[in-house]
Amino acid sequence: MVRVEKLSFSYVVKGRRFPILKDIDFHLEKNGILCIIGPSGCGKTTLLFNIAGLRAPDTGVVWVDGAEVKAPREKTAVIFQHFGLLPWENVYENIALGLKIRGVPHREIKRDVESNMEHFGITKLARKYPRHLSGGEKQRVAIARALVLKPDLLLLDEPFSAIDALTREALQEFVLRVWKEWNLTIIHVTHDIVEAVFLGTEIIILGTDGRYNYHYTLPREKGEDFRDGAVFHEATVAIRDRMRRIVNESSL
């Protein structure tokens, strides 16, 4: 589904080039969940933006569903760290935004938005504005807005970072339900090792030098007690040890 081949990316500031990503190479099968973790500033969000077609790599190629990504594709949806909800629009209008931009007829917009709100249990929020919503409600609205566009690839940029621990766990479980129900492929950027292990079928770690440093594979099927099991504990310890090693090596 998603293949990244020898991708490198740098920012240019006042004529100086600052390398961010170097020779990133990985493949994610259809209907997998890839979690990207790594130290702050290692290029996780930049990599996500390259996959989304919002940035162009210096070298290398991103392929999605067999086609090279050179611009944002219609069936890729992105949920940003701070949800990206328009504060001057209510929940209904926020969810409808992408459909309006695409020129979908009004009757179809009404049908699809109302159907999605009902599916995600947020119909009662339709006339509320983002400032009136809790963090968990904002996240559900952001997910509904993304999925009303019927994507096959969902990109998440640290969407739970500003949410309390219990709400975060509930939303993680919610994402897994959405993943199964909507038959999605997901790439999720996070700082949280525990979150990556719970959500991911694949995990990659980016090093401080912008290189792909480590890969870990996890079961696709995770029971209700997965958080309490040996596989979860072993993966969390292994990834935390690798992350600690990366940080320590970068400080030498």
C-alpha atoms as a PDB file:
ATOM      1  CA  MET A   1       0.000   0.000   0.000  1.00  0.00           C
ATOM      2  CA  VAL A   2       2.671   2.519   1.084  1.00  0.00           C
ATOM      3  CA  ARG A   3       6.281   2.255  -0.026  1.00  0.00           C
ATOM      4  CA  VAL A   4       8.961   4.820   0.774  1.00  0.00           C
ATOM      5  CA  GLU A   5      12.183   4.383  -1.203  1.00  0.00           C
ATOM      6  CA  LYS A   6      15.470   6.081  -0.268  1.00  0.00           C
ATOM      7  CA  LEU A   7      13.711   9.281   0.772  1.00  0.00           C
ATOM      8  CA  SER A   8      15.820  12.249   1.854  1.00  0.00           C
ATOM      9  CA  PHE A   9      14.537  15.701   2.742  1.00  0.00           C
ATOM     10  CA  SER A  10      16.104  18.955   3.894  1.00  0.00           C
ATOM     11  CA  TYR A  11      14.970  22.471   4.700  1.00  0.00           C
ATOM     12  CA  VAL A  12      16.745  25.465   3.183  1.00  0.00           C
ATOM     13  CA  VAL A  13      17.032  28.537   5.425  1.00  0.00           C
ATOM     14  CA  LYS A  14      18.821  31.654   4.166  1.00  0.00           C
ATOM     15  CA  GLY A  15      20.685  29.630   1.598  1.00  0.00           C
ATOM     16  CA  ARG A  16      21.792  26.944   4.060  1.00  0.00           C
ATOM     17  CA  ARG A  17      20.563  23.371   3.716  1.00  0.00           C
ATOM     18  CA  PHE A  18      19.586  21.484   6.882  1.00  0.00           C
ATOM     19  CA  PRO A  19      19.128  17.715   6.329  1.00  0.00           C
ATOM     20  CA  ILE A  20      16.110  16.283   8.173  1.00  0.00           C
ATOM     21  CA  LEU A  21      15.557  12.819   6.672  1.00  0.00           C
ATOM     22  CA  LYS A  22      18.204  10.565   5.117  1.00  0.00           C
ATOM     23  CA  ASP A  23      17.608   7.472   2.976  1.00  0.00           C
ATOM     24  CA  ILE A  24      14.325   6.445   4.614  1.00  0.00           C
ATOM     25  CA  ASP A  25      13.147   3.115   3.219  1.00  0.00           C
ATOM     26  CA  PHE A  26      10.141   1.026   4.323  1.00  0.00           C
ATOM     27  CA  HIS A  27       6.994  -0.728   3.125  1.00  0.00           C
ATOM     28  CA  LEU A  28       3.574  -0.920   4.802  1.00  0.00           C
ATOM     29  CA  GLU A  29       1.066  -3.523   3.625  1.00  0.00           C
ATOM     30  CA  LYS A  30      -2.560  -2.593   2.978  1.00  0.00           C
ATOM     31  CA  ASN A  31      -4.676  -2.436   6.161  1.00  0.00           C
ATOM     32  CA  GLY A  32      -1.644  -2.200   8.435  1.00  0.00           C
ATOM     33  CA  ILE A  33      -0.977   0.412  11.107  1.00  0.00           C
ATOM     34  CA  LEU A  34       2.526   1.876  11.061  1.00  0.00           C
ATOM     35  CA  CYS A  35       3.564   3.906  14.094  1.00  0.00           C
ATOM     36  CA  ILE A  36       6.533   6.244  13.645  1.00  0.00           C
ATOM     37  CA  ILE A  37       8.359   7.192  16.835  1.00  0.00           C
ATOM     38  CA  GLY A  38      11.657   8.849  17.667  1.00  0.00           C
ATOM     39  CA  PRO A  39      13.234  11.707  19.624  1.00  0.00           C
ATOM     40  CA  SER A  40      11.916  15.250  19.219  1.00  0.00           C
ATOM     41  CA  GLY A  41      13.173  16.907  16.054  1.00  0.00           C
ATOM     42  CA  CYS A  42      14.066  13.674  14.249  1.00  0.00           C
ATOM     43  CA  GLY A  43      11.686  14.349  11.332  1.00  0.00           C
ATOM     44  CA  LYS A  44       8.599  12.256  12.152  1.00  0.00           C
ATOM     45  CA  THR A  45       6.069  14.894  11.087  1.00  0.00           C
ATOM     46  CA  THR A  46       8.197  15.845   8.081  1.00  0.00           C
ATOM     47  CA  LEU A  47       8.127  12.217   6.940  1.00  0.00           C
ATOM     48  CA  LEU A  48       4.343  12.134   7.372  1.00  0.00           C
ATOM     49  CA  PHE A  49       3.999  15.304   5.271  1.00  0.00           C
ATOM     50  CA  ASN A  50       6.128  13.735   2.521  1.00  0.00           C
ATOM     51  CA  ILE A  51       3.846  10.687   2.510  1.00  0.00           C
ATOM     52  CA  ALA A  52       0.804  12.995   2.354  1.00  0.00           C
ATOM     53  CA  GLY A  53       2.219  14.864  -0.644  1.00  0.00           C
ATOM     54  CA  LEU A  54       2.414  18.109   1.350  1.00  0.00           C
ATOM     55  CA  ARG A  55       6.218  18.177   1.007  1.00  0.00           C
ATOM     56  CA  ALA A  56       8.410  17.044  -1.881  1.00  0.00           C
ATOM     57  CA  PRO A  57      11.524  14.980  -1.058  1.00  0.00           C
ATOM     58  CA  ASP A  58      14.983  16.035  -2.221  1.00  0.00           C
ATOM     59  CA  THR A  59      15.584  12.475  -3.413  1.00  0.00           C
ATOM     60  CA  GLY A  60      13.636   9.240  -3.254  1.00  0.00           C
ATOM     61  CA  VAL A  61      10.027   8.321  -3.953  1.00  0.00           C
ATOM     62  CA  VAL A  62       6.795   7.750  -2.036  1.00  0.00           C
ATOM     63  CA  TRP A  63       4.384   5.236  -3.563  1.00  0.00           C
ATOM     64  CA  VAL A  64       0.792   4.812  -2.368  1.00  0.00           C
ATOM     65  CA  ASP A  65      -1.379   2.089  -3.869  1.00  0.00           C
ATOM     66  CA  GLY A  66       1.049   1.711  -6.772  1.00  0.00           C
ATOM     67  CA  ALA A  67       1.157   5.396  -7.759  1.00  0.00           C
ATOM     68  CA  GLU A  68       3.949   7.878  -7.077  1.00  0.00           C
ATOM     69  CA  VAL A  69       2.891  10.650  -4.684  1.00  0.00           C
ATOM     70  CA  LYS A  70       3.689  14.070  -6.160  1.00  0.00           C
ATOM     71  CA  ALA A  71       0.792  16.010  -4.613  1.00  0.00           C
ATOM     72  CA  PRO A  72      -1.959  15.351  -2.054  1.00  0.00           C
ATOM     73  CA  ARG A  73      -4.094  12.402  -3.206  1.00  0.00           C
ATOM     74  CA  GLU A  74      -7.864  12.304  -2.946  1.00  0.00           C
ATOM     75  CA  LYS A  75      -8.021   9.117  -0.862  1.00  0.00           C
ATOM     76  CA  THR A  76      -5.474  10.198   1.765  1.00  0.00           C
ATOM     77  CA  ALA A  77      -6.816  11.976   4.857  1.00  0.00           C
ATOM     78  CA  VAL A  78      -4.657  13.752   7.453  1.00  0.00           C
ATOM     79  CA  ILE A  79      -5.507  14.536  11.078  1.00  0.00           C
ATOM     80  CA  PHE A  80      -3.150  17.124  12.527  1.00  0.00           C
ATOM     81  CA  GLN A  81      -1.867  17.456  16.076  1.00  0.00           C
ATOM     82  CA  HIS A  82      -4.288  20.235  17.046  1.00  0.00           C
ATOM     83  CA  PHE A  83      -7.216  18.750  15.092  1.00  0.00           C
ATOM     84  CA  GLY A  84      -7.350  21.532  12.459  1.00  0.00           C
ATOM     85  CA  LEU A  85     -10.968  22.416  13.237  1.00  0.00           C
ATOM     86  CA  LEU A  86     -12.100  25.855  12.076  1.00  0.00           C
ATOM     87  CA  PRO A  87     -13.068  27.806  15.229  1.00  0.00           C
ATOM     88  CA  TRP A  88     -15.663  29.951  13.406  1.00  0.00           C
ATOM     89  CA  GLU A  89     -17.556  26.916  12.046  1.00  0.00           C
ATOM     90  CA  ASN A  90     -19.736  24.507  14.006  1.00  0.00           C
ATOM     91  CA  VAL A  91     -19.217  20.744  14.077  1.00  0.00           C
ATOM     92  CA  TYR A  92     -21.524  20.069  11.121  1.00  0.00           C
ATOM     93  CA  GLU A  93     -19.763  22.641   8.924  1.00  0.00           C
ATOM     94  CA  ASN A  94     -16.304  21.403   9.956  1.00  0.00           C
ATOM     95  CA  ILE A  95     -17.175  17.859   8.926  1.00  0.00           C
ATOM     96  CA  ALA A  96     -18.743  19.084   5.677  1.00  0.00           C
ATOM     97  CA  LEU A  97     -15.746  21.241   4.707  1.00  0.00           C
ATOM     98  CA  GLY A  98     -13.828  18.715   2.604  1.00  0.00           C
ATOM     99  CA  LEU A  99     -16.946  17.652   0.722  1.00  0.00           C
ATOM    100  CA  LYS A 100     -17.762  21.291  -0.083  1.00  0.00           C
ATOM    101  CA  ILE A 101     -14.220  21.880  -1.358  1.00  0.00           C
ATOM    102  CA  ARG A 102     -14.658  18.886  -3.668  1.00  0.00           C
ATOM    103  CA  GLY A 103     -17.923  20.297  -5.013  1.00  0.00           C
ATOM    104  CA  VAL A 104     -20.144  17.494  -3.731  1.00  0.00           C
ATOM    105  CA  PRO A 105     -23.875  18.323  -4.150  1.00  0.00           C
ATOM    106  CA  HIS A 106     -25.595  19.725  -1.055  1.00  0.00           C
ATOM    107  CA  ARG A 107     -27.980  16.777  -0.685  1.00  0.00           C
ATOM    108  CA  GLU A 108     -25.088  14.274  -0.659  1.00  0.00           C
ATOM    109  CA  ILE A 109     -23.146  16.406   1.830  1.00  0.00           C
ATOM    110  CA  LYS A 110     -26.114  16.460   4.206  1.00  0.00           C
ATOM    111  CA  ARG A 111     -26.600  12.701   3.888  1.00  0.00           C
ATOM    112  CA  ASP A 112     -22.923  11.808   4.405  1.00  0.00           C
ATOM    113  CA  VAL A 113     -22.268  14.265   7.245  1.00  0.00           C
ATOM    114  CA  GLU A 114     -25.360  13.241   9.190  1.00  0.00           C
ATOM    115  CA  SER A 115     -24.542   9.562   8.640  1.00  0.00           C
ATOM    116  CA  ASN A 116     -20.984  10.026   9.919  1.00  0.00           C
ATOM    117  CA  MET A 117     -22.074  12.037  12.942  1.00  0.00           C
ATOM    118  CA  GLU A 118     -24.533   9.305  13.873  1.00  0.00           C
ATOM    119  CA  HIS A 119     -21.904   6.589  13.335  1.00  0.00           C
ATOM    120  CA  PHE A 120     -19.436   8.321  15.657  1.00  0.00           C
ATOM    121  CA  GLY A 121     -22.018   9.312  18.249  1.00  0.00           C
ATOM    122  CA  ILE A 122     -21.612  13.070  17.822  1.00  0.00           C
ATOM    123  CA  THR A 123     -24.984  14.072  16.335  1.00  0.00           C
ATOM    124  CA  LYS A 124     -25.813  16.078  19.466  1.00  0.00           C
ATOM    125  CA  LEU A 125     -22.674  18.190  18.862  1.00  0.00           C
ATOM    126  CA  ALA A 126     -23.704  19.287  15.348  1.00  0.00           C
ATOM    127  CA  ARG A 127     -24.366  22.952  16.212  1.00  0.00           C
ATOM    128  CA  LYS A 128     -21.596  23.359  18.764  1.00  0.00           C
ATOM    129  CA  TYR A 129     -18.346  25.200  18.022  1.00  0.00           C
ATOM    130  CA  PRO A 130     -14.859  23.782  18.704  1.00  0.00           C
ATOM    131  CA  ARG A 131     -14.390  26.018  21.766  1.00  0.00           C
ATOM    132  CA  HIS A 132     -17.324  24.227  23.421  1.00  0.00           C
ATOM    133  CA  LEU A 133     -15.876  20.720  22.897  1.00  0.00           C
ATOM    134  CA  SER A 134     -13.664  18.578  25.106  1.00  0.00           C
ATOM    135  CA  GLY A 135     -10.401  17.194  23.730  1.00  0.00           C
ATOM    136  CA  GLY A 136     -11.984  13.793  23.136  1.00  0.00           C
ATOM    137  CA  GLU A 137     -14.961  15.339  21.339  1.00  0.00           C
ATOM    138  CA  LYS A 138     -12.669  17.404  19.112  1.00  0.00           C
ATOM    139  CA  GLN A 139     -10.767  14.267  18.177  1.00  0.00           C
ATOM    140  CA  ARG A 140     -13.943  12.391  17.259  1.00  0.00           C
ATOM    141  CA  VAL A 141     -15.041  15.335  15.099  1.00  0.00           C
ATOM    142  CA  ALA A 142     -11.626  15.400  13.395  1.00  0.00           C
ATOM    143  CA  ILE A 143     -11.858  11.666  12.665  1.00  0.00           C
ATOM    144  CA  ALA A 144     -15.430  12.034  11.355  1.00  0.00           C
ATOM    145  CA  ARG A 145     -14.308  14.890   9.087  1.00  0.00           C
ATOM    146  CA  ALA A 146     -11.457  12.766   7.732  1.00  0.00           C
ATOM    147  CA  LEU A 147     -13.547   9.653   7.125  1.00  0.00           C
ATOM    148  CA  VAL A 148     -16.482  11.424   5.470  1.00  0.00           C
ATOM    149  CA  LEU A 149     -14.107  11.754   2.495  1.00  0.00           C
ATOM    150  CA  LYS A 150     -13.922   7.926   2.268  1.00  0.00           C
ATOM    151  CA  PRO A 151     -10.110   7.626   2.386  1.00  0.00           C
ATOM    152  CA  ASP A 152      -8.133   4.397   2.176  1.00  0.00           C
ATOM    153  CA  LEU A 153      -5.070   5.919   3.912  1.00  0.00           C
ATOM    154  CA  LEU A 154      -5.319   7.847   7.188  1.00  0.00           C
ATOM    155  CA  LEU A 155      -2.330   9.843   8.467  1.00  0.00           C
ATOM    156  CA  LEU A 156      -2.295  10.898  12.132  1.00  0.00           C
ATOM    157  CA  ASP A 157       0.158  13.475  13.490  1.00  0.00           C
ATOM    158  CA  GLU A 158       0.270  13.043  17.293  1.00  0.00           C
ATOM    159  CA  PRO A 159      -3.498  13.503  17.621  1.00  0.00           C
ATOM    160  CA  PHE A 160      -3.693  12.474  21.290  1.00  0.00           C
ATOM    161  CA  SER A 161      -0.735  14.416  22.689  1.00  0.00           C
ATOM    162  CA  ALA A 162      -2.807  17.078  24.482  1.00  0.00           C
ATOM    163  CA  ILE A 163      -5.442  14.707  25.903  1.00  0.00           C
ATOM    164  CA  ASP A 164      -5.549  13.232  29.420  1.00  0.00           C
ATOM    165  CA  ALA A 165      -4.417   9.619  29.913  1.00  0.00           C
ATOM    166  CA  LEU A 166      -7.819   7.931  30.308  1.00  0.00           C
ATOM    167  CA  THR A 167      -9.367   9.773  27.354  1.00  0.00           C
ATOM    168  CA  ARG A 168      -6.265   8.943  25.317  1.00  0.00           C
ATOM    169  CA  GLU A 169      -6.674   5.217  26.007  1.00  0.00           C
ATOM    170  CA  ALA A 170     -10.354   5.369  25.044  1.00  0.00           C
ATOM    171  CA  LEU A 171      -9.475   7.146  21.782  1.00  0.00           C
ATOM    172  CA  GLN A 172      -6.758   4.599  21.001  1.00  0.00           C
ATOM    173  CA  GLU A 173      -9.351   1.836  21.297  1.00  0.00           C
ATOM    174  CA  PHE A 174     -11.707   3.954  19.181  1.00  0.00           C
ATOM    175  CA  VAL A 175      -9.058   4.237  16.436  1.00  0.00           C
ATOM    176  CA  LEU A 176      -8.630   0.446  16.374  1.00  0.00           C
ATOM    177  CA  ARG A 177     -12.400   0.007  15.958  1.00  0.00           C
ATOM    178  CA  VAL A 178     -12.447   2.583  13.139  1.00  0.00           C
ATOM    179  CA  TRP A 179      -9.450   0.869  11.491  1.00  0.00           C
ATOM    180  CA  LYS A 180     -11.300  -2.462  11.385  1.00  0.00           C
ATOM    181  CA  GLU A 181     -14.713  -1.067  10.427  1.00  0.00           C
ATOM    182  CA  TRP A 182     -13.422   1.165   7.616  1.00  0.00           C
ATOM    183  CA  ASN A 183     -10.715  -1.209   6.316  1.00  0.00           C
ATOM    184  CA  LEU A 184      -8.088   1.537   6.575  1.00  0.00           C
ATOM    185  CA  THR A 185      -4.339   1.716   6.270  1.00  0.00           C
ATOM    186  CA  ILE A 186      -2.993   4.039   8.985  1.00  0.00           C
ATOM    187  CA  ILE A 187       0.317   5.811   9.581  1.00  0.00           C
ATOM    188  CA  HIS A 188       0.503   7.319  13.043  1.00  0.00           C
ATOM    189  CA  VAL A 189       3.201   9.645  14.411  1.00  0.00           C
ATOM    190  CA  THR A 190       3.588   9.609  18.186  1.00  0.00           C
ATOM    191  CA  HIS A 191       6.072  10.288  21.001  1.00  0.00           C
ATOM    192  CA  ASP A 192       4.320   7.710  23.174  1.00  0.00           C
ATOM    193  CA  ILE A 193       5.951   4.246  23.113  1.00  0.00           C
ATOM    194  CA  VAL A 194       3.004   2.610  24.899  1.00  0.00           C
ATOM    195  CA  GLU A 195       0.587   4.112  22.374  1.00  0.00           C
ATOM    196  CA  ALA A 196       2.719   2.896  19.462  1.00  0.00           C
ATOM    197  CA  VAL A 197       2.814  -0.658  20.825  1.00  0.00           C
ATOM    198  CA  PHE A 198      -0.934  -0.718  21.466  1.00  0.00           C
ATOM    199  CA  LEU A 199      -1.923   0.648  18.040  1.00  0.00           C
ATOM    200  CA  GLY A 200       0.789  -0.501  15.672  1.00  0.00           C
ATOM    201  CA  THR A 201       1.132  -3.600  13.547  1.00  0.00           C
ATOM    202  CA  GLU A 202       4.516  -2.149  12.571  1.00  0.00           C
ATOM    203  CA  ILE A 203       6.733   0.347  14.409  1.00  0.00           C
ATOM    204  CA  ILE A 204       9.735   2.208  13.044  1.00  0.00           C
ATOM    205  CA  ILE A 205      12.078   4.429  15.018  1.00  0.00           C
ATOM    206  CA  LEU A 206      13.775   7.428  13.449  1.00  0.00           C
ATOM    207  CA  GLY A 207      17.158   8.382  14.876  1.00  0.00           C
ATOM    208  CA  THR A 208      18.388  11.866  15.661  1.00  0.00           C
ATOM    209  CA  ASP A 209      20.368  11.773  12.399  1.00  0.00           C
ATOM    210  CA  GLY A 210      17.128  11.453  10.401  1.00  0.00           C
ATOM    211  CA  ARG A 211      17.730   7.825   9.458  1.00  0.00           C
ATOM    212  CA  TYR A 212      15.431   4.826   9.821  1.00  0.00           C
ATOM    213  CA  ASN A 213      16.937   3.168  12.882  1.00  0.00           C
ATOM    214  CA  TYR A 214      14.808   0.233  14.022  1.00  0.00           C
ATOM    215  CA  HIS A 215      11.789  -1.871  13.001  1.00  0.00           C
ATOM    216  CA  TYR A 216       9.396  -3.884  15.168  1.00  0.00           C
ATOM    217  CA  THR A 217       6.442  -6.062  14.094  1.00  0.00           C
ATOM    218  CA  LEU A 218       3.404  -6.675  16.303  1.00  0.00           C
ATOM    219  CA  PRO A 219       0.259  -8.842  16.049  1.00  0.00           C
ATOM    220  CA  ARG A 220      -2.630  -7.515  13.963  1.00  0.00           C
ATOM    221  CA  GLU A 221      -5.216  -9.020  16.294  1.00  0.00           C
ATOM    222  CA  LYS A 222      -5.046  -7.611  19.822  1.00  0.00           C
ATOM    223  CA  GLY A 223      -7.490  -8.810  22.454  1.00  0.00           C
ATOM    224  CA  GLU A 224      -9.028  -6.725  25.211  1.00  0.00           C
ATOM    225  CA  ASP A 225      -6.254  -7.794  27.612  1.00  0.00           C
ATOM    226  CA  PHE A 226      -3.396  -6.968  25.210  1.00  0.00           C
ATOM    227  CA  ARG A 227      -2.162  -4.080  27.380  1.00  0.00           C
ATOM    228  CA  ASP A 228      -1.659  -6.538  30.274  1.00  0.00           C
ATOM    229  CA  GLY A 229       0.045  -9.297  28.284  1.00  0.00           C
ATOM    230  CA  ALA A 230       3.644 -10.432  27.801  1.00  0.00           C
ATOM    231  CA  VAL A 231       3.875  -9.364  24.135  1.00  0.00           C
ATOM    232  CA  PHE A 232       2.877  -5.805  25.023  1.00  0.00           C
ATOM    233  CA  HIS A 233       5.381  -5.655  27.887  1.00  0.00           C
ATOM    234  CA  GLU A 234       8.264  -7.162  25.876  1.00  0.00           C
ATOM    235  CA  ALA A 235       7.696  -4.822  22.926  1.00  0.00           C
ATOM    236  CA  THR A 236       7.472  -1.761  25.172  1.00  0.00           C
ATOM    237  CA  VAL A 237      10.723  -2.647  26.957  1.00  0.00           C
ATOM    238  CA  ALA A 238      12.573  -3.422  23.708  1.00  0.00           C
ATOM    239  CA  ILE A 239      11.521  -0.178  22.022  1.00  0.00           C
ATOM    240  CA  ARG A 240      12.186   1.919  25.112  1.00  0.00           C
ATOM    241  CA  ASP A 241      15.707   0.432  25.353  1.00  0.00           C
ATOM    242  CA  ARG A 242      16.359   1.219  21.692  1.00  0.00           C
ATOM    243  CA  MET A 243      15.057   4.778  22.098  1.00  0.00           C
ATOM    244  CA  ARG A 244      17.249   5.303  25.161  1.00  0.00           C
ATOM    245  CA  ARG A 245      20.270   4.067  23.213  1.00  0.00           C
ATOM    246  CA  ILE A 246      19.530   6.453  20.341  1.00  0.00           C
ATOM    247  CA  VAL A 247      19.238   9.441  22.680  1.00  0.00           C
ATOM    248  CA  ASN A 248      22.398   8.499  24.591  1.00  0.00           C
ATOM    249  CA  GLU A 249      24.420   8.039  21.398  1.00  0.00           C
ATOM    250  CA  SER A 250      23.298  11.422  20.079  1.00  0.00           C
ATOM    251  CA  SER A 251      24.518  13.152  23.243  1.00  0.00           C
ATOM    252  CA  LEU A 252      28.069  11.765  22.964  1.00  0.00           C
END
